Amino acid sequence: EHYALNSRFILGDMDYSESQRNAMPPVSWPLVRTHAGSGRKFLFIGAHAGHIEGRPVAEGRMLLAELLEHAT
């Protein structure tokens, strides 16, 4: 799940009103996508990814951190 404010929260920037938070709701995206031209699979992750649906939040965050470390 991607949330525009997730990267801000990680840095401790929590000062957002409820209306600001509601204006940017979390969005679900697949973690692995397929490139239309080549058919190759690729990771679709970034700093806005907060957790992996279907996994415990802490476990998903650890996996996302490992994937980001590997990819960058």
PDB file of N, CA and C in Angstrom:
ATOM      1  N   GLU A   1       0.850  -1.174   0.000  1.00  0.00           N
ATOM      2  CA  GLU A   1       0.000   0.000   0.000  1.00  0.00           C
ATOM      3  C   GLU A   1       0.893   1.234   0.000  1.00  0.00           C
ATOM      4  N   HIS A   2       0.623   2.147  -0.906  1.00  0.00           N
ATOM      5  CA  HIS A   2       1.378   3.395  -1.003  1.00  0.00           C
ATOM      6  C   HIS A   2       0.567   4.521  -0.368  1.00  0.00           C
ATOM      7  N   TYR A   3       1.250   5.336   0.408  1.00  0.00           N
ATOM      8  CA  TYR A   3       0.610   6.463   1.082  1.00  0.00           C
ATOM      9  C   TYR A   3       1.536   7.658   0.934  1.00  0.00           C
ATOM     10  N   ALA A   4       1.057   8.712   0.325  1.00  0.00           N
ATOM     11  CA  ALA A   4       1.897   9.869   0.007  1.00  0.00           C
ATOM     12  C   ALA A   4       2.602  10.444   1.226  1.00  0.00           C
ATOM     13  N   LEU A   5       2.002  10.339   2.397  1.00  0.00           N
ATOM     14  CA  LEU A   5       2.609  10.914   3.601  1.00  0.00           C
ATOM     15  C   LEU A   5       3.528   9.938   4.334  1.00  0.00           C
ATOM     16  N   ASN A   6       3.592   8.691   3.893  1.00  0.00           N
ATOM     17  CA  ASN A   6       4.394   7.696   4.597  1.00  0.00           C
ATOM     18  C   ASN A   6       5.850   8.118   4.742  1.00  0.00           C
ATOM     19  N   SER A   7       6.461   8.612   3.685  1.00  0.00           N
ATOM     20  CA  SER A   7       7.866   9.014   3.769  1.00  0.00           C
ATOM     21  C   SER A   7       8.041  10.186   4.722  1.00  0.00           C
ATOM     22  N   ARG A   8       7.055  11.051   4.822  1.00  0.00           N
ATOM     23  CA  ARG A   8       7.106  12.172   5.775  1.00  0.00           C
ATOM     24  C   ARG A   8       7.010  11.661   7.212  1.00  0.00           C
ATOM     25  N   PHE A   9       6.129  10.689   7.426  1.00  0.00           N
ATOM     26  CA  PHE A   9       5.958  10.126   8.768  1.00  0.00           C
ATOM     27  C   PHE A   9       7.247   9.462   9.247  1.00  0.00           C
ATOM     28  N   ILE A  10       7.930   8.763   8.349  1.00  0.00           N
ATOM     29  CA  ILE A  10       9.189   8.101   8.698  1.00  0.00           C
ATOM     30  C   ILE A  10      10.204   9.116   9.217  1.00  0.00           C
ATOM     31  N   LEU A  11      10.182  10.315   8.651  1.00  0.00           N
ATOM     32  CA  LEU A  11      11.108  11.374   9.065  1.00  0.00           C
ATOM     33  C   LEU A  11      10.619  12.137  10.292  1.00  0.00           C
ATOM     34  N   GLY A  12       9.459  11.753  10.823  1.00  0.00           N
ATOM     35  CA  GLY A  12       8.927  12.386  12.020  1.00  0.00           C
ATOM     36  C   GLY A  12       8.017  13.566  11.757  1.00  0.00           C
ATOM     37  N   ASP A  13       7.725  13.841  10.509  1.00  0.00           N
ATOM     38  CA  ASP A  13       6.841  14.954  10.143  1.00  0.00           C
ATOM     39  C   ASP A  13       5.394  14.472  10.229  1.00  0.00           C
ATOM     40  N   MET A  14       4.778  14.650  11.390  1.00  0.00           N
ATOM     41  CA  MET A  14       3.437  14.122  11.632  1.00  0.00           C
ATOM     42  C   MET A  14       2.373  15.212  11.686  1.00  0.00           C
ATOM     43  N   ASP A  15       2.745  16.448  11.421  1.00  0.00           N
ATOM     44  CA  ASP A  15       1.855  17.594  11.635  1.00  0.00           C
ATOM     45  C   ASP A  15       0.959  17.849  10.424  1.00  0.00           C
ATOM     46  N   TYR A  16      -0.029  16.975  10.238  1.00  0.00           N
ATOM     47  CA  TYR A  16      -0.983  17.115   9.144  1.00  0.00           C
ATOM     48  C   TYR A  16      -2.393  17.049   9.717  1.00  0.00           C
ATOM     49  N   SER A  17      -3.247  17.919   9.241  1.00  0.00           N
ATOM     50  CA  SER A  17      -4.633  17.910   9.711  1.00  0.00           C
ATOM     51  C   SER A  17      -5.360  16.691   9.146  1.00  0.00           C
ATOM     52  N   GLU A  18      -6.494  16.395   9.720  1.00  0.00           N
ATOM     53  CA  GLU A  18      -7.296  15.276   9.236  1.00  0.00           C
ATOM     54  C   GLU A  18      -7.713  15.500   7.787  1.00  0.00           C
ATOM     55  N   SER A  19      -8.054  16.740   7.435  1.00  0.00           N
ATOM     56  CA  SER A  19      -8.462  17.014   6.049  1.00  0.00           C
ATOM     57  C   SER A  19      -7.284  16.829   5.090  1.00  0.00           C
ATOM     58  N   GLN A  20      -6.072  17.182   5.515  1.00  0.00           N
ATOM     59  CA  GLN A  20      -4.898  16.956   4.669  1.00  0.00           C
ATOM     60  C   GLN A  20      -4.650  15.459   4.486  1.00  0.00           C
ATOM     61  N   ARG A  21      -4.776  14.713   5.561  1.00  0.00           N
ATOM     62  CA  ARG A  21      -4.582  13.258   5.477  1.00  0.00           C
ATOM     63  C   ARG A  21      -5.653  12.613   4.591  1.00  0.00           C
ATOM     64  N   ASN A  22      -6.884  13.070   4.732  1.00  0.00           N
ATOM     65  CA  ASN A  22      -7.984  12.507   3.938  1.00  0.00           C
ATOM     66  C   ASN A  22      -7.872  12.860   2.461  1.00  0.00           C
ATOM     67  N   ALA A  23      -7.184  13.955   2.147  1.00  0.00           N
ATOM     68  CA  ALA A  23      -7.023  14.367   0.751  1.00  0.00           C
ATOM     69  C   ALA A  23      -6.065  13.448  -0.004  1.00  0.00           C
ATOM     70  N   MET A  24      -5.269  12.666   0.743  1.00  0.00           N
ATOM     71  CA  MET A  24      -4.295  11.765   0.125  1.00  0.00           C
ATOM     72  C   MET A  24      -4.444  10.365   0.709  1.00  0.00           C
ATOM     73  N   PRO A  25      -5.525   9.672   0.394  1.00  0.00           N
ATOM     74  CA  PRO A  25      -5.735   8.344   0.982  1.00  0.00           C
ATOM     75  C   PRO A  25      -4.715   7.325   0.453  1.00  0.00           C
ATOM     76  N   PRO A  26      -4.462   6.268   1.222  1.00  0.00           N
ATOM     77  CA  PRO A  26      -3.572   5.206   0.750  1.00  0.00           C
ATOM     78  C   PRO A  26      -4.119   4.565  -0.525  1.00  0.00           C
ATOM     79  N   VAL A  27      -3.208   4.085  -1.354  1.00  0.00           N
ATOM     80  CA  VAL A  27      -3.570   3.459  -2.623  1.00  0.00           C
ATOM     81  C   VAL A  27      -2.856   2.115  -2.722  1.00  0.00           C
ATOM     82  N   SER A  28      -3.560   1.106  -3.178  1.00  0.00           N
ATOM     83  CA  SER A  28      -2.955  -0.213  -3.372  1.00  0.00           C
ATOM     84  C   SER A  28      -2.373  -0.320  -4.774  1.00  0.00           C
ATOM     85  N   TRP A  29      -1.129  -0.796  -4.843  1.00  0.00           N
ATOM     86  CA  TRP A  29      -0.445  -1.039  -6.109  1.00  0.00           C
ATOM     87  C   TRP A  29       0.217  -2.405  -6.024  1.00  0.00           C
ATOM     88  N   PRO A  30       0.334  -3.098  -7.142  1.00  0.00           N
ATOM     89  CA  PRO A  30       1.053  -4.376  -7.100  1.00  0.00           C
ATOM     90  C   PRO A  30       2.537  -4.133  -6.816  1.00  0.00           C
ATOM     91  N   LEU A  31       3.142  -5.017  -6.057  1.00  0.00           N
ATOM     92  CA  LEU A  31       4.560  -4.910  -5.732  1.00  0.00           C
ATOM     93  C   LEU A  31       5.424  -5.290  -6.932  1.00  0.00           C
ATOM     94  N   VAL A  32       4.939  -6.218  -7.719  1.00  0.00           N
ATOM     95  CA  VAL A  32       5.643  -6.646  -8.933  1.00  0.00           C
ATOM     96  C   VAL A  32       4.747  -6.353 -10.119  1.00  0.00           C
ATOM     97  N   ARG A  33       5.320  -5.680 -11.105  1.00  0.00           N
ATOM     98  CA  ARG A  33       4.568  -5.357 -12.323  1.00  0.00           C
ATOM     99  C   ARG A  33       5.302  -5.939 -13.521  1.00  0.00           C
ATOM    100  N   THR A  34       4.638  -5.926 -14.662  1.00  0.00           N
ATOM    101  CA  THR A  34       5.229  -6.433 -15.893  1.00  0.00           C
ATOM    102  C   THR A  34       5.394  -5.288 -16.877  1.00  0.00           C
ATOM    103  N   HIS A  35       6.611  -5.129 -17.397  1.00  0.00           N
ATOM    104  CA  HIS A  35       6.889  -4.088 -18.384  1.00  0.00           C
ATOM    105  C   HIS A  35       6.135  -4.419 -19.671  1.00  0.00           C
ATOM    106  N   ALA A  36       5.365  -3.468 -20.161  1.00  0.00           N
ATOM    107  CA  ALA A  36       4.509  -3.706 -21.332  1.00  0.00           C
ATOM    108  C   ALA A  36       5.313  -4.064 -22.574  1.00  0.00           C
ATOM    109  N   GLY A  37       6.455  -3.439 -22.770  1.00  0.00           N
ATOM    110  CA  GLY A  37       7.247  -3.679 -23.975  1.00  0.00           C
ATOM    111  C   GLY A  37       8.048  -4.960 -23.946  1.00  0.00           C
ATOM    112  N   SER A  38       8.720  -5.225 -22.835  1.00  0.00           N
ATOM    113  CA  SER A  38       9.633  -6.370 -22.768  1.00  0.00           C
ATOM    114  C   SER A  38       9.017  -7.605 -22.124  1.00  0.00           C
ATOM    115  N   GLY A  39       7.962  -7.410 -21.340  1.00  0.00           N
ATOM    116  CA  GLY A  39       7.369  -8.530 -20.624  1.00  0.00           C
ATOM    117  C   GLY A  39       8.128  -8.908 -19.359  1.00  0.00           C
ATOM    118  N   ARG A  40       9.209  -8.179 -19.054  1.00  0.00           N
ATOM    119  CA  ARG A  40      10.009  -8.469 -17.863  1.00  0.00           C
ATOM    120  C   ARG A  40       9.309  -7.958 -16.605  1.00  0.00           C
ATOM    121  N   LYS A  41       9.486  -8.688 -15.534  1.00  0.00           N
ATOM    122  CA  LYS A  41       8.929  -8.297 -14.239  1.00  0.00           C
ATOM    123  C   LYS A  41       9.844  -7.261 -13.596  1.00  0.00           C
ATOM    124  N   PHE A  42       9.251  -6.317 -12.845  1.00  0.00           N
ATOM    125  CA  PHE A  42      10.040  -5.340 -12.109  1.00  0.00           C
ATOM    126  C   PHE A  42       9.341  -4.989 -10.807  1.00  0.00           C
ATOM    127  N   LEU A  43      10.153  -4.545  -9.824  1.00  0.00           N
ATOM    128  CA  LEU A  43       9.617  -4.119  -8.537  1.00  0.00           C
ATOM    129  C   LEU A  43       9.050  -2.723  -8.666  1.00  0.00           C
ATOM    130  N   PHE A  44       7.916  -2.500  -8.044  1.00  0.00           N
ATOM    131  CA  PHE A  44       7.264  -1.196  -8.056  1.00  0.00           C
ATOM    132  C   PHE A  44       7.146  -0.739  -6.609  1.00  0.00           C
ATOM    133  N   ILE A  45       8.256  -0.192  -6.085  1.00  0.00           N
ATOM    134  CA  ILE A  45       8.299   0.231  -4.686  1.00  0.00           C
ATOM    135  C   ILE A  45       8.955   1.593  -4.588  1.00  0.00           C
ATOM    136  N   GLY A  46       8.789   2.216  -3.456  1.00  0.00           N
ATOM    137  CA  GLY A  46       9.420   3.506  -3.211  1.00  0.00           C
ATOM    138  C   GLY A  46       9.194   3.922  -1.774  1.00  0.00           C
ATOM    139  N   ALA A  47       9.606   5.124  -1.453  1.00  0.00           N
ATOM    140  CA  ALA A  47       9.528   5.620  -0.078  1.00  0.00           C
ATOM    141  C   ALA A  47       8.095   5.766   0.416  1.00  0.00           C
ATOM    142  N   HIS A  48       7.137   5.835  -0.502  1.00  0.00           N
ATOM    143  CA  HIS A  48       5.745   5.983  -0.078  1.00  0.00           C
ATOM    144  C   HIS A  48       5.108   4.645   0.301  1.00  0.00           C
ATOM    145  N   ALA A  49       5.757   3.545  -0.017  1.00  0.00           N
ATOM    146  CA  ALA A  49       5.206   2.234   0.337  1.00  0.00           C
ATOM    147  C   ALA A  49       5.265   2.058   1.846  1.00  0.00           C
ATOM    148  N   GLY A  50       4.130   1.726   2.446  1.00  0.00           N
ATOM    149  CA  GLY A  50       4.061   1.622   3.895  1.00  0.00           C
ATOM    150  C   GLY A  50       4.019   0.210   4.419  1.00  0.00           C
ATOM    151  N   HIS A  51       3.374  -0.666   3.693  1.00  0.00           N
ATOM    152  CA  HIS A  51       3.315  -2.065   4.096  1.00  0.00           C
ATOM    153  C   HIS A  51       2.868  -2.909   2.909  1.00  0.00           C
ATOM    154  N   ILE A  52       2.915  -4.211   3.087  1.00  0.00           N
ATOM    155  CA  ILE A  52       2.512  -5.147   2.036  1.00  0.00           C
ATOM    156  C   ILE A  52       1.204  -5.789   2.467  1.00  0.00           C
ATOM    157  N   GLU A  53       0.193  -5.632   1.655  1.00  0.00           N
ATOM    158  CA  GLU A  53      -1.114  -6.197   1.988  1.00  0.00           C
ATOM    159  C   GLU A  53      -1.012  -7.712   2.117  1.00  0.00           C
ATOM    160  N   GLY A  54      -1.690  -8.240   3.134  1.00  0.00           N
ATOM    161  CA  GLY A  54      -1.695  -9.676   3.349  1.00  0.00           C
ATOM    162  C   GLY A  54      -0.574 -10.160   4.253  1.00  0.00           C
ATOM    163  N   ARG A  55       0.288  -9.256   4.699  1.00  0.00           N
ATOM    164  CA  ARG A  55       1.370  -9.598   5.630  1.00  0.00           C
ATOM    165  C   ARG A  55       1.226  -8.749   6.878  1.00  0.00           C
ATOM    166  N   PRO A  56       1.723  -9.238   8.008  1.00  0.00           N
ATOM    167  CA  PRO A  56       1.741  -8.374   9.192  1.00  0.00           C
ATOM    168  C   PRO A  56       2.513  -7.089   8.876  1.00  0.00           C
ATOM    169  N   VAL A  57       2.059  -5.962   9.404  1.00  0.00           N
ATOM    170  CA  VAL A  57       2.651  -4.662   9.061  1.00  0.00           C
ATOM    171  C   VAL A  57       4.155  -4.648   9.301  1.00  0.00           C
ATOM    172  N   ALA A  58       4.613  -5.092  10.459  1.00  0.00           N
ATOM    173  CA  ALA A  58       6.051  -5.058  10.766  1.00  0.00           C
ATOM    174  C   ALA A  58       6.848  -5.908   9.781  1.00  0.00           C
ATOM    175  N   GLU A  59       6.343  -7.092   9.462  1.00  0.00           N
ATOM    176  CA  GLU A  59       7.019  -7.979   8.513  1.00  0.00           C
ATOM    177  C   GLU A  59       7.074  -7.338   7.125  1.00  0.00           C
ATOM    178  N   GLY A  60       5.965  -6.754   6.696  1.00  0.00           N
ATOM    179  CA  GLY A  60       5.923  -6.107   5.387  1.00  0.00           C
ATOM    180  C   GLY A  60       6.874  -4.930   5.292  1.00  0.00           C
ATOM    181  N   ARG A  61       6.961  -4.152   6.360  1.00  0.00           N
ATOM    182  CA  ARG A  61       7.877  -3.007   6.362  1.00  0.00           C
ATOM    183  C   ARG A  61       9.327  -3.463   6.296  1.00  0.00           C
ATOM    184  N   MET A  62       9.643  -4.552   7.004  1.00  0.00           N
ATOM    185  CA  MET A  62      11.010  -5.076   6.947  1.00  0.00           C
ATOM    186  C   MET A  62      11.341  -5.552   5.540  1.00  0.00           C
ATOM    187  N   LEU A  63      10.416  -6.246   4.905  1.00  0.00           N
ATOM    188  CA  LEU A  63      10.645  -6.728   3.547  1.00  0.00           C
ATOM    189  C   LEU A  63      10.794  -5.560   2.577  1.00  0.00           C
ATOM    190  N   LEU A  64       9.962  -4.537   2.712  1.00  0.00           N
ATOM    191  CA  LEU A  64      10.084  -3.354   1.852  1.00  0.00           C
ATOM    192  C   LEU A  64      11.445  -2.690   2.027  1.00  0.00           C
ATOM    193  N   ALA A  65      11.917  -2.577   3.268  1.00  0.00           N
ATOM    194  CA  ALA A  65      13.229  -1.975   3.523  1.00  0.00           C
ATOM    195  C   ALA A  65      14.333  -2.790   2.858  1.00  0.00           C
ATOM    196  N   GLU A  66      14.249  -4.104   2.944  1.00  0.00           N
ATOM    197  CA  GLU A  66      15.243  -4.970   2.307  1.00  0.00           C
ATOM    198  C   GLU A  66      15.203  -4.825   0.789  1.00  0.00           C
ATOM    199  N   LEU A  67      14.012  -4.782   0.220  1.00  0.00           N
ATOM    200  CA  LEU A  67      13.882  -4.631  -1.231  1.00  0.00           C
ATOM    201  C   LEU A  67      14.417  -3.283  -1.702  1.00  0.00           C
ATOM    202  N   LEU A  68      14.107  -2.210  -0.966  1.00  0.00           N
ATOM    203  CA  LEU A  68      14.620  -0.884  -1.327  1.00  0.00           C
ATOM    204  C   LEU A  68      16.138  -0.847  -1.241  1.00  0.00           C
ATOM    205  N   GLU A  69      16.689  -1.452  -0.207  1.00  0.00           N
ATOM    206  CA  GLU A  69      18.148  -1.503  -0.055  1.00  0.00           C
ATOM    207  C   GLU A  69      18.771  -2.249  -1.232  1.00  0.00           C
ATOM    208  N   HIS A  70      18.170  -3.353  -1.613  1.00  0.00           N
ATOM    209  CA  HIS A  70      18.681  -4.155  -2.723  1.00  0.00           C
ATOM    210  C   HIS A  70      18.589  -3.403  -4.052  1.00  0.00           C
ATOM    211  N   ALA A  71      17.511  -2.660  -4.225  1.00  0.00           N
ATOM    212  CA  ALA A  71      17.251  -2.000  -5.515  1.00  0.00           C
ATOM    213  C   ALA A  71      18.013  -0.689  -5.690  1.00  0.00           C
ATOM    214  N   THR A  72      18.490  -0.088  -4.606  1.00  0.00           N
ATOM    215  CA  THR A  72      19.146   1.222  -4.737  1.00  0.00           C
ATOM    216  C   THR A  72      20.627   1.152  -4.474  1.00  0.00           C
TER     217      THR A  72
END
